[in-house]
Amino acid sequence: MTSWAKAPDFADRPERREQVRAQTVLDKEHYMEAGMTPITCQSCGTEVLVRKHSSNQKTVQWRTNPADHCPVFRKLAEAGPVFGKPDSCPSLEKTIDHAVAEGILEVDR
């Protein structure tokens, strides 16, 4: 009996398995780490790492727990469990837009 898997594991092809593993490391570096720019919120001073993929898409990595520094996230945390929490706040969004407009943060092309 064969089991279903989302992706092949290449158990019978170790050279291919190593190629996939190596590419996964490169993909992680490219999408999660490369090209990140430190941006400091103009409202609360929280620093995040940002990468703009397009005019509508970005990656934001918080360096600390947002509720510890950002008043928007702190208010959400104090209110208790909330479904569909935002991944940002309006002040940070404005700061990111400003950084793009000023050329501090470039949009990937």
PDB file of N, CA and C in Angstrom:
ATOM      1  N   MET A   1       0.839  -1.172   0.000  1.00  0.00           N
ATOM      2  CA  MET A   1       0.000   0.000   0.000  1.00  0.00           C
ATOM      3  C   MET A   1       0.891   1.244   0.000  1.00  0.00           C
ATOM      4  N   THR A   2       0.618   2.173  -0.884  1.00  0.00           N
ATOM      5  CA  THR A   2       1.386   3.410  -0.931  1.00  0.00           C
ATOM      6  C   THR A   2       0.629   4.509  -0.206  1.00  0.00           C
ATOM      7  N   SER A   3       1.382   5.372   0.402  1.00  0.00           N
ATOM      8  CA  SER A   3       0.740   6.482   1.088  1.00  0.00           C
ATOM      9  C   SER A   3       0.827   7.728   0.219  1.00  0.00           C
ATOM     10  N   TRP A   4      -0.133   8.578   0.406  1.00  0.00           N
ATOM     11  CA  TRP A   4      -0.187   9.804  -0.355  1.00  0.00           C
ATOM     12  C   TRP A   4       0.677  10.865   0.312  1.00  0.00           C
ATOM     13  N   ALA A   5       1.378  11.622  -0.485  1.00  0.00           N
ATOM     14  CA  ALA A   5       2.173  12.723   0.040  1.00  0.00           C
ATOM     15  C   ALA A   5       1.958  13.930  -0.860  1.00  0.00           C
ATOM     16  N   LYS A   6       2.039  15.103  -0.281  1.00  0.00           N
ATOM     17  CA  LYS A   6       1.847  16.326  -1.037  1.00  0.00           C
ATOM     18  C   LYS A   6       2.960  16.518  -2.068  1.00  0.00           C
ATOM     19  N   ALA A   7       4.145  16.144  -1.686  1.00  0.00           N
ATOM     20  CA  ALA A   7       5.294  16.287  -2.578  1.00  0.00           C
ATOM     21  C   ALA A   7       6.152  15.032  -2.456  1.00  0.00           C
ATOM     22  N   PRO A   8       6.832  14.672  -3.527  1.00  0.00           N
ATOM     23  CA  PRO A   8       7.690  13.486  -3.435  1.00  0.00           C
ATOM     24  C   PRO A   8       8.839  13.723  -2.463  1.00  0.00           C
ATOM     25  N   ASP A   9       9.255  12.651  -1.797  1.00  0.00           N
ATOM     26  CA  ASP A   9      10.369  12.807  -0.856  1.00  0.00           C
ATOM     27  C   ASP A   9      11.707  12.374  -1.456  1.00  0.00           C
ATOM     28  N   PHE A  10      11.672  11.817  -2.663  1.00  0.00           N
ATOM     29  CA  PHE A  10      12.878  11.393  -3.373  1.00  0.00           C
ATOM     30  C   PHE A  10      13.748  10.461  -2.547  1.00  0.00           C
ATOM     31  N   ALA A  11      13.123   9.608  -1.768  1.00  0.00           N
ATOM     32  CA  ALA A  11      13.861   8.654  -0.933  1.00  0.00           C
ATOM     33  C   ALA A  11      14.744   7.739  -1.778  1.00  0.00           C
ATOM     34  N   ASP A  12      14.305   7.462  -2.989  1.00  0.00           N
ATOM     35  CA  ASP A  12      15.066   6.574  -3.870  1.00  0.00           C
ATOM     36  C   ASP A  12      16.083   7.332  -4.735  1.00  0.00           C
ATOM     37  N   ARG A  13      16.129   8.654  -4.599  1.00  0.00           N
ATOM     38  CA  ARG A  13      17.061   9.468  -5.385  1.00  0.00           C
ATOM     39  C   ARG A  13      17.757  10.478  -4.473  1.00  0.00           C
ATOM     40  N   PRO A  14      18.772  10.035  -3.722  1.00  0.00           N
ATOM     41  CA  PRO A  14      19.426  10.928  -2.757  1.00  0.00           C
ATOM     42  C   PRO A  14      20.022  12.192  -3.388  1.00  0.00           C
ATOM     43  N   GLU A  15      20.510  12.081  -4.620  1.00  0.00           N
ATOM     44  CA  GLU A  15      21.088  13.274  -5.261  1.00  0.00           C
ATOM     45  C   GLU A  15      19.999  14.321  -5.510  1.00  0.00           C
ATOM     46  N   ARG A  16      18.808  13.876  -5.905  1.00  0.00           N
ATOM     47  CA  ARG A  16      17.691  14.806  -6.130  1.00  0.00           C
ATOM     48  C   ARG A  16      17.183  15.371  -4.807  1.00  0.00           C
ATOM     49  N   ARG A  17      17.158  14.528  -3.781  1.00  0.00           N
ATOM     50  CA  ARG A  17      16.739  14.980  -2.457  1.00  0.00           C
ATOM     51  C   ARG A  17      17.652  16.112  -1.983  1.00  0.00           C
ATOM     52  N   GLU A  18      18.960  15.979  -2.187  1.00  0.00           N
ATOM     53  CA  GLU A  18      19.912  17.011  -1.782  1.00  0.00           C
ATOM     54  C   GLU A  18      19.716  18.288  -2.610  1.00  0.00           C
ATOM     55  N   GLN A  19      19.416  18.148  -3.898  1.00  0.00           N
ATOM     56  CA  GLN A  19      19.153  19.322  -4.735  1.00  0.00           C
ATOM     57  C   GLN A  19      17.928  20.087  -4.222  1.00  0.00           C
ATOM     58  N   VAL A  20      16.886  19.366  -3.875  1.00  0.00           N
ATOM     59  CA  VAL A  20      15.664  19.994  -3.362  1.00  0.00           C
ATOM     60  C   VAL A  20      15.951  20.684  -2.027  1.00  0.00           C
ATOM     61  N   ARG A  21      16.698  20.013  -1.148  1.00  0.00           N
ATOM     62  CA  ARG A  21      17.044  20.604   0.141  1.00  0.00           C
ATOM     63  C   ARG A  21      17.845  21.889  -0.051  1.00  0.00           C
ATOM     64  N   ALA A  22      18.824  21.855  -0.947  1.00  0.00           N
ATOM     65  CA  ALA A  22      19.657  23.036  -1.201  1.00  0.00           C
ATOM     66  C   ALA A  22      18.823  24.180  -1.776  1.00  0.00           C
ATOM     67  N   GLN A  23      17.917  23.869  -2.680  1.00  0.00           N
ATOM     68  CA  GLN A  23      17.063  24.908  -3.257  1.00  0.00           C
ATOM     69  C   GLN A  23      16.115  25.482  -2.212  1.00  0.00           C
ATOM     70  N   THR A  24      15.654  24.653  -1.295  1.00  0.00           N
ATOM     71  CA  THR A  24      14.785  25.127  -0.222  1.00  0.00           C
ATOM     72  C   THR A  24      15.515  26.134   0.669  1.00  0.00           C
ATOM     73  N   VAL A  25      16.771  25.870   0.947  1.00  0.00           N
ATOM     74  CA  VAL A  25      17.583  26.800   1.736  1.00  0.00           C
ATOM     75  C   VAL A  25      17.709  28.127   0.992  1.00  0.00           C
ATOM     76  N   LEU A  26      17.978  28.078  -0.312  1.00  0.00           N
ATOM     77  CA  LEU A  26      18.096  29.301  -1.109  1.00  0.00           C
ATOM     78  C   LEU A  26      16.768  30.052  -1.168  1.00  0.00           C
ATOM     79  N   ASP A  27      15.670  29.325  -1.333  1.00  0.00           N
ATOM     80  CA  ASP A  27      14.348  29.953  -1.375  1.00  0.00           C
ATOM     81  C   ASP A  27      14.039  30.658  -0.064  1.00  0.00           C
ATOM     82  N   LYS A  28      14.344  30.007   1.054  1.00  0.00           N
ATOM     83  CA  LYS A  28      14.103  30.610   2.361  1.00  0.00           C
ATOM     84  C   LYS A  28      14.912  31.893   2.492  1.00  0.00           C
ATOM     85  N   GLU A  29      16.171  31.847   2.127  1.00  0.00           N
ATOM     86  CA  GLU A  29      17.034  33.029   2.177  1.00  0.00           C
ATOM     87  C   GLU A  29      16.445  34.144   1.316  1.00  0.00           C
ATOM     88  N   HIS A  30      16.025  33.807   0.101  1.00  0.00           N
ATOM     89  CA  HIS A  30      15.506  34.810  -0.826  1.00  0.00           C
ATOM     90  C   HIS A  30      14.207  35.435  -0.329  1.00  0.00           C
ATOM     91  N   TYR A  31      13.263  34.610   0.092  1.00  0.00           N
ATOM     92  CA  TYR A  31      11.944  35.117   0.443  1.00  0.00           C
ATOM     93  C   TYR A  31      11.812  35.606   1.879  1.00  0.00           C
ATOM     94  N   MET A  32      12.643  35.122   2.776  1.00  0.00           N
ATOM     95  CA  MET A  32      12.478  35.478   4.186  1.00  0.00           C
ATOM     96  C   MET A  32      13.574  36.380   4.742  1.00  0.00           C
ATOM     97  N   GLU A  33      14.712  36.447   4.080  1.00  0.00           N
ATOM     98  CA  GLU A  33      15.813  37.182   4.678  1.00  0.00           C
ATOM     99  C   GLU A  33      16.433  38.230   3.757  1.00  0.00           C
ATOM    100  N   ALA A  34      16.594  37.918   2.495  1.00  0.00           N
ATOM    101  CA  ALA A  34      17.276  38.831   1.575  1.00  0.00           C
ATOM    102  C   ALA A  34      16.424  40.066   1.294  1.00  0.00           C
ATOM    103  N   GLY A  35      17.088  41.171   1.179  1.00  0.00           N
ATOM    104  CA  GLY A  35      16.405  42.392   0.779  1.00  0.00           C
ATOM    105  C   GLY A  35      15.545  43.034   1.852  1.00  0.00           C
ATOM    106  N   MET A  36      15.678  42.615   3.103  1.00  0.00           N
ATOM    107  CA  MET A  36      14.897  43.199   4.182  1.00  0.00           C
ATOM    108  C   MET A  36      15.540  44.523   4.604  1.00  0.00           C
ATOM    109  N   THR A  37      14.710  45.551   4.758  1.00  0.00           N
ATOM    110  CA  THR A  37      15.180  46.867   5.151  1.00  0.00           C
ATOM    111  C   THR A  37      14.612  47.214   6.518  1.00  0.00           C
ATOM    112  N   PRO A  38      15.446  47.638   7.454  1.00  0.00           N
ATOM    113  CA  PRO A  38      14.909  48.045   8.750  1.00  0.00           C
ATOM    114  C   PRO A  38      14.137  49.365   8.609  1.00  0.00           C
ATOM    115  N   ILE A  39      12.927  49.381   9.129  1.00  0.00           N
ATOM    116  CA  ILE A  39      12.065  50.557   9.095  1.00  0.00           C
ATOM    117  C   ILE A  39      11.582  50.809  10.523  1.00  0.00           C
ATOM    118  N   THR A  40      11.653  52.053  10.964  1.00  0.00           N
ATOM    119  CA  THR A  40      11.205  52.419  12.303  1.00  0.00           C
ATOM    120  C   THR A  40       9.894  53.184  12.195  1.00  0.00           C
ATOM    121  N   CYS A  41       8.875  52.693  12.880  1.00  0.00           N
ATOM    122  CA  CYS A  41       7.564  53.333  12.856  1.00  0.00           C
ATOM    123  C   CYS A  41       7.678  54.773  13.336  1.00  0.00           C
ATOM    124  N   GLN A  42       7.129  55.695  12.566  1.00  0.00           N
ATOM    125  CA  GLN A  42       7.196  57.110  12.906  1.00  0.00           C
ATOM    126  C   GLN A  42       6.326  57.442  14.117  1.00  0.00           C
ATOM    127  N   SER A  43       5.409  56.557  14.462  1.00  0.00           N
ATOM    128  CA  SER A  43       4.514  56.824  15.580  1.00  0.00           C
ATOM    129  C   SER A  43       5.051  56.300  16.909  1.00  0.00           C
ATOM    130  N   CYS A  44       5.431  55.014  16.942  1.00  0.00           N
ATOM    131  CA  CYS A  44       5.817  54.419  18.222  1.00  0.00           C
ATOM    132  C   CYS A  44       7.292  54.037  18.317  1.00  0.00           C
ATOM    133  N   GLY A  45       8.028  54.115  17.214  1.00  0.00           N
ATOM    134  CA  GLY A  45       9.453  53.821  17.244  1.00  0.00           C
ATOM    135  C   GLY A  45       9.813  52.355  17.132  1.00  0.00           C
ATOM    136  N   THR A  46       8.825  51.481  16.927  1.00  0.00           N
ATOM    137  CA  THR A  46       9.103  50.055  16.772  1.00  0.00           C
ATOM    138  C   THR A  46       9.825  49.821  15.456  1.00  0.00           C
ATOM    139  N   GLU A  47      10.911  49.042  15.504  1.00  0.00           N
ATOM    140  CA  GLU A  47      11.641  48.723  14.275  1.00  0.00           C
ATOM    141  C   GLU A  47      11.219  47.356  13.766  1.00  0.00           C
ATOM    142  N   VAL A  48      10.919  47.298  12.484  1.00  0.00           N
ATOM    143  CA  VAL A  48      10.578  46.050  11.806  1.00  0.00           C
ATOM    144  C   VAL A  48      11.463  45.924  10.579  1.00  0.00           C
ATOM    145  N   LEU A  49      11.515  44.730  10.022  1.00  0.00           N
ATOM    146  CA  LEU A  49      12.204  44.514   8.754  1.00  0.00           C
ATOM    147  C   LEU A  49      11.137  44.403   7.677  1.00  0.00           C
ATOM    148  N   VAL A  50      11.354  45.082   6.558  1.00  0.00           N
ATOM    149  CA  VAL A  50      10.340  45.119   5.502  1.00  0.00           C
ATOM    150  C   VAL A  50      10.983  44.847   4.156  1.00  0.00           C
ATOM    151  N   ARG A  51      10.247  44.130   3.332  1.00  0.00           N
ATOM    152  CA  ARG A  51      10.620  43.927   1.935  1.00  0.00           C
ATOM    153  C   ARG A  51       9.359  44.123   1.116  1.00  0.00           C
ATOM    154  N   LYS A  52       9.411  45.015   0.154  1.00  0.00           N
ATOM    155  CA  LYS A  52       8.271  45.271  -0.723  1.00  0.00           C
ATOM    156  C   LYS A  52       8.426  44.424  -1.978  1.00  0.00           C
ATOM    157  N   HIS A  53       7.461  43.546  -2.211  1.00  0.00           N
ATOM    158  CA  HIS A  53       7.491  42.679  -3.384  1.00  0.00           C
ATOM    159  C   HIS A  53       6.833  43.347  -4.580  1.00  0.00           C
ATOM    160  N   SER A  54       5.838  44.177  -4.311  1.00  0.00           N
ATOM    161  CA  SER A  54       5.131  44.932  -5.347  1.00  0.00           C
ATOM    162  C   SER A  54       4.451  46.101  -4.647  1.00  0.00           C
ATOM    163  N   SER A  55       3.688  46.873  -5.396  1.00  0.00           N
ATOM    164  CA  SER A  55       3.017  48.010  -4.769  1.00  0.00           C
ATOM    165  C   SER A  55       1.992  47.562  -3.738  1.00  0.00           C
ATOM    166  N   ASN A  56       1.485  46.340  -3.859  1.00  0.00           N
ATOM    167  CA  ASN A  56       0.456  45.847  -2.945  1.00  0.00           C
ATOM    168  C   ASN A  56       0.921  44.753  -1.996  1.00  0.00           C
ATOM    169  N   GLN A  57       2.102  44.223  -2.191  1.00  0.00           N
ATOM    170  CA  GLN A  57       2.538  43.078  -1.391  1.00  0.00           C
ATOM    171  C   GLN A  57       3.860  43.385  -0.704  1.00  0.00           C
ATOM    172  N   LYS A  58       3.923  42.961   0.584  1.00  0.00           N
ATOM    173  CA  LYS A  58       5.147  43.182   1.347  1.00  0.00           C
ATOM    174  C   LYS A  58       5.306  42.077   2.373  1.00  0.00           C
ATOM    175  N   THR A  59       6.519  41.947   2.867  1.00  0.00           N
ATOM    176  CA  THR A  59       6.819  41.059   3.976  1.00  0.00           C
ATOM    177  C   THR A  59       7.279  41.942   5.124  1.00  0.00           C
ATOM    178  N   VAL A  60       6.679  41.735   6.300  1.00  0.00           N
ATOM    179  CA  VAL A  60       7.069  42.483   7.495  1.00  0.00           C
ATOM    180  C   VAL A  60       7.475  41.471   8.549  1.00  0.00           C
ATOM    181  N   GLN A  61       8.674  41.622   9.059  1.00  0.00           N
ATOM    182  CA  GLN A  61       9.145  40.774  10.156  1.00  0.00           C
ATOM    183  C   GLN A  61       9.330  41.649  11.386  1.00  0.00           C
ATOM    184  N   TRP A  62       8.608  41.294  12.425  1.00  0.00           N
ATOM    185  CA  TRP A  62       8.732  42.009  13.692  1.00  0.00           C
ATOM    186  C   TRP A  62       9.938  41.449  14.430  1.00  0.00           C
ATOM    187  N   ARG A  63      10.765  42.326  14.962  1.00  0.00           N
ATOM    188  CA  ARG A  63      11.947  41.899  15.704  1.00  0.00           C
ATOM    189  C   ARG A  63      11.608  41.585  17.157  1.00  0.00           C
ATOM    190  N   THR A  64      10.487  42.094  17.624  1.00  0.00           N
ATOM    191  CA  THR A  64      10.027  41.859  18.993  1.00  0.00           C
ATOM    192  C   THR A  64       8.534  41.553  18.943  1.00  0.00           C
ATOM    193  N   ASN A  65       7.978  41.172  20.058  1.00  0.00           N
ATOM    194  CA  ASN A  65       6.543  40.952  20.141  1.00  0.00           C
ATOM    195  C   ASN A  65       5.851  42.296  19.896  1.00  0.00           C
ATOM    196  N   PRO A  66       5.000  42.407  18.876  1.00  0.00           N
ATOM    197  CA  PRO A  66       4.364  43.691  18.563  1.00  0.00           C
ATOM    198  C   PRO A  66       3.615  44.297  19.749  1.00  0.00           C
ATOM    199  N   ALA A  67       2.990  43.475  20.570  1.00  0.00           N
ATOM    200  CA  ALA A  67       2.207  43.986  21.706  1.00  0.00           C
ATOM    201  C   ALA A  67       3.089  44.638  22.767  1.00  0.00           C
ATOM    202  N   ASP A  68       4.388  44.351  22.760  1.00  0.00           N
ATOM    203  CA  ASP A  68       5.296  44.957  23.733  1.00  0.00           C
ATOM    204  C   ASP A  68       5.660  46.398  23.385  1.00  0.00           C
ATOM    205  N   HIS A  69       5.483  46.800  22.119  1.00  0.00           N
ATOM    206  CA  HIS A  69       5.938  48.116  21.691  1.00  0.00           C
ATOM    207  C   HIS A  69       4.899  48.915  20.909  1.00  0.00           C
ATOM    208  N   CYS A  70       4.070  48.261  20.148  1.00  0.00           N
ATOM    209  CA  CYS A  70       3.114  48.947  19.277  1.00  0.00           C
ATOM    210  C   CYS A  70       1.781  49.135  20.011  1.00  0.00           C
ATOM    211  N   PRO A  71       1.300  50.372  20.156  1.00  0.00           N
ATOM    212  CA  PRO A  71       0.047  50.608  20.869  1.00  0.00           C
ATOM    213  C   PRO A  71      -1.156  49.917  20.235  1.00  0.00           C
ATOM    214  N   VAL A  72      -1.155  49.790  18.917  1.00  0.00           N
ATOM    215  CA  VAL A  72      -2.268  49.116  18.234  1.00  0.00           C
ATOM    216  C   VAL A  72      -2.315  47.646  18.636  1.00  0.00           C
ATOM    217  N   PHE A  73      -1.184  46.978  18.580  1.00  0.00           N
ATOM    218  CA  PHE A  73      -1.143  45.571  18.961  1.00  0.00           C
ATOM    219  C   PHE A  73      -1.333  45.385  20.467  1.00  0.00           C
ATOM    220  N   ARG A  74      -0.838  46.324  21.260  1.00  0.00           N
ATOM    221  CA  ARG A  74      -1.026  46.240  22.710  1.00  0.00           C
ATOM    222  C   ARG A  74      -2.520  46.285  23.041  1.00  0.00           C
ATOM    223  N   LYS A  75      -3.232  47.183  22.398  1.00  0.00           N
ATOM    224  CA  LYS A  75      -4.680  47.310  22.630  1.00  0.00           C
ATOM    225  C   LYS A  75      -5.395  46.024  22.227  1.00  0.00           C
ATOM    226  N   LEU A  76      -4.993  45.445  21.126  1.00  0.00           N
ATOM    227  CA  LEU A  76      -5.595  44.178  20.697  1.00  0.00           C
ATOM    228  C   LEU A  76      -5.309  43.071  21.706  1.00  0.00           C
ATOM    229  N   ALA A  77      -4.071  43.016  22.190  1.00  0.00           N
ATOM    230  CA  ALA A  77      -3.699  41.971  23.146  1.00  0.00           C
ATOM    231  C   ALA A  77      -4.464  42.131  24.454  1.00  0.00           C
ATOM    232  N   GLU A  78      -4.646  43.360  24.889  1.00  0.00           N
ATOM    233  CA  GLU A  78      -5.367  43.619  26.137  1.00  0.00           C
ATOM    234  C   GLU A  78      -6.846  43.281  26.023  1.00  0.00           C
ATOM    235  N   ALA A  79      -7.382  43.352  24.810  1.00  0.00           N
ATOM    236  CA  ALA A  79      -8.800  43.072  24.589  1.00  0.00           C
ATOM    237  C   ALA A  79      -9.094  41.575  24.642  1.00  0.00           C
ATOM    238  N   GLY A  80      -8.059  40.758  24.605  1.00  0.00           N
ATOM    239  CA  GLY A  80      -8.254  39.309  24.643  1.00  0.00           C
ATOM    240  C   GLY A  80      -8.146  38.712  23.256  1.00  0.00           C
ATOM    241  N   PRO A  81      -8.451  37.413  23.150  1.00  0.00           N
ATOM    242  CA  PRO A  81      -8.320  36.731  21.869  1.00  0.00           C
ATOM    243  C   PRO A  81      -9.175  37.389  20.781  1.00  0.00           C
ATOM    244  N   VAL A  82      -8.536  37.632  19.668  1.00  0.00           N
ATOM    245  CA  VAL A  82      -9.221  38.229  18.521  1.00  0.00           C
ATOM    246  C   VAL A  82      -8.882  37.400  17.295  1.00  0.00           C
ATOM    247  N   PHE A  83      -9.884  37.070  16.535  1.00  0.00           N
ATOM    248  CA  PHE A  83      -9.652  36.325  15.301  1.00  0.00           C
ATOM    249  C   PHE A  83      -9.411  37.310  14.174  1.00  0.00           C
ATOM    250  N   GLY A  84      -8.536  36.945  13.274  1.00  0.00           N
ATOM    251  CA  GLY A  84      -8.225  37.808  12.143  1.00  0.00           C
ATOM    252  C   GLY A  84      -7.455  39.051  12.547  1.00  0.00           C
ATOM    253  N   LYS A  85      -6.513  38.895  13.483  1.00  0.00           N
ATOM    254  CA  LYS A  85      -5.703  40.030  13.909  1.00  0.00           C
ATOM    255  C   LYS A  85      -4.980  40.631  12.703  1.00  0.00           C
ATOM    256  N   PRO A  86      -4.836  41.946  12.687  1.00  0.00           N
ATOM    257  CA  PRO A  86      -4.078  42.559  11.586  1.00  0.00           C
ATOM    258  C   PRO A  86      -2.605  42.218  11.720  1.00  0.00           C
ATOM    259  N   ASP A  87      -1.908  42.205  10.604  1.00  0.00           N
ATOM    260  CA  ASP A  87      -0.478  41.941  10.659  1.00  0.00           C
ATOM    261  C   ASP A  87       0.302  43.246  10.687  1.00  0.00           C
ATOM    262  N   SER A  88      -0.415  44.341  10.807  1.00  0.00           N
ATOM    263  CA  SER A  88       0.234  45.632  10.849  1.00  0.00           C
ATOM    264  C   SER A  88      -0.686  46.619  11.549  1.00  0.00           C
ATOM    265  N   CYS A  89      -0.285  47.868  11.538  1.00  0.00           N
ATOM    266  CA  CYS A  89      -1.129  48.923  12.094  1.00  0.00           C
ATOM    267  C   CYS A  89      -1.099  50.103  11.121  1.00  0.00           C
ATOM    268  N   PRO A  90      -2.089  50.976  11.192  1.00  0.00           N
ATOM    269  CA  PRO A  90      -2.141  52.097  10.249  1.00  0.00           C
ATOM    270  C   PRO A  90      -0.890  52.984  10.285  1.00  0.00           C
ATOM    271  N   SER A  91      -0.350  53.221  11.460  1.00  0.00           N
ATOM    272  CA  SER A  91       0.849  54.065  11.562  1.00  0.00           C
ATOM    273  C   SER A  91       2.049  53.417  10.883  1.00  0.00           C
ATOM    274  N   LEU A  92       2.199  52.118  11.071  1.00  0.00           N
ATOM    275  CA  LEU A  92       3.306  51.412  10.424  1.00  0.00           C
ATOM    276  C   LEU A  92       3.108  51.402   8.915  1.00  0.00           C
ATOM    277  N   GLU A  93       1.882  51.201   8.478  1.00  0.00           N
ATOM    278  CA  GLU A  93       1.603  51.230   7.035  1.00  0.00           C
ATOM    279  C   GLU A  93       1.989  52.578   6.433  1.00  0.00           C
ATOM    280  N   LYS A  94       1.650  53.663   7.116  1.00  0.00           N
ATOM    281  CA  LYS A  94       2.016  55.006   6.636  1.00  0.00           C
ATOM    282  C   LYS A  94       3.531  55.170   6.601  1.00  0.00           C
ATOM    283  N   THR A  95       4.200  54.651   7.608  1.00  0.00           N
ATOM    284  CA  THR A  95       5.664  54.729   7.656  1.00  0.00           C
ATOM    285  C   THR A  95       6.279  53.976   6.481  1.00  0.00           C
ATOM    286  N   ILE A  96       5.753  52.789   6.186  1.00  0.00           N
ATOM    287  CA  ILE A  96       6.259  51.998   5.066  1.00  0.00           C
ATOM    288  C   ILE A  96       6.010  52.724   3.751  1.00  0.00           C
ATOM    289  N   ASP A  97       4.805  53.266   3.577  1.00  0.00           N
ATOM    290  CA  ASP A  97       4.496  54.022   2.357  1.00  0.00           C
ATOM    291  C   ASP A  97       5.435  55.223   2.214  1.00  0.00           C
ATOM    292  N   HIS A  98       5.720  55.893   3.316  1.00  0.00           N
ATOM    293  CA  HIS A  98       6.622  57.032   3.299  1.00  0.00           C
ATOM    294  C   HIS A  98       8.041  56.593   2.910  1.00  0.00           C
ATOM    295  N   ALA A  99       8.480  55.469   3.451  1.00  0.00           N
ATOM    296  CA  ALA A  99       9.811  54.954   3.123  1.00  0.00           C
ATOM    297  C   ALA A  99       9.922  54.629   1.637  1.00  0.00           C
ATOM    298  N   VAL A 100       8.855  54.101   1.046  1.00  0.00           N
ATOM    299  CA  VAL A 100       8.856  53.828  -0.401  1.00  0.00           C
ATOM    300  C   VAL A 100       8.919  55.151  -1.167  1.00  0.00           C
ATOM    301  N   ALA A 101       8.090  56.112  -0.781  1.00  0.00           N
ATOM    302  CA  ALA A 101       8.045  57.409  -1.469  1.00  0.00           C
ATOM    303  C   ALA A 101       9.389  58.137  -1.395  1.00  0.00           C
ATOM    304  N   GLU A 102      10.095  57.972  -0.278  1.00  0.00           N
ATOM    305  CA  GLU A 102      11.380  58.647  -0.093  1.00  0.00           C
ATOM    306  C   GLU A 102      12.558  57.859  -0.689  1.00  0.00           C
ATOM    307  N   GLY A 103      12.296  56.652  -1.198  1.00  0.00           N
ATOM    308  CA  GLY A 103      13.363  55.839  -1.777  1.00  0.00           C
ATOM    309  C   GLY A 103      14.180  55.079  -0.760  1.00  0.00           C
ATOM    310  N   ILE A 104      13.743  55.092   0.492  1.00  0.00           N
ATOM    311  CA  ILE A 104      14.429  54.340   1.557  1.00  0.00           C
ATOM    312  C   ILE A 104      14.174  52.849   1.389  1.00  0.00           C
ATOM    313  N   LEU A 105      12.965  52.532   0.955  1.00  0.00           N
ATOM    314  CA  LEU A 105      12.540  51.150   0.750  1.00  0.00           C
ATOM    315  C   LEU A 105      12.181  50.983  -0.720  1.00  0.00           C
ATOM    316  N   GLU A 106      12.907  50.105  -1.391  1.00  0.00           N
ATOM    317  CA  GLU A 106      12.647  49.876  -2.813  1.00  0.00           C
ATOM    318  C   GLU A 106      11.664  48.753  -3.014  1.00  0.00           C
ATOM    319  N   VAL A 107      10.883  48.860  -4.077  1.00  0.00           N
ATOM    320  CA  VAL A 107       9.945  47.810  -4.454  1.00  0.00           C
ATOM    321  C   VAL A 107      10.654  46.874  -5.410  1.00  0.00           C
ATOM    322  N   ASP A 108      10.623  45.558  -5.100  1.00  0.00           N
ATOM    323  CA  ASP A 108      11.236  44.563  -5.984  1.00  0.00           C
ATOM    324  C   ASP A 108      10.602  44.657  -7.364  1.00  0.00           C
ATOM    325  N   ARG A 109      11.396  44.521  -8.345  1.00  0.00           N
ATOM    326  CA  ARG A 109      10.889  44.550  -9.734  1.00  0.00           C
ATOM    327  C   ARG A 109      11.070  43.227 -10.370  1.00  0.00           C
TER     328      ARG A 109
END
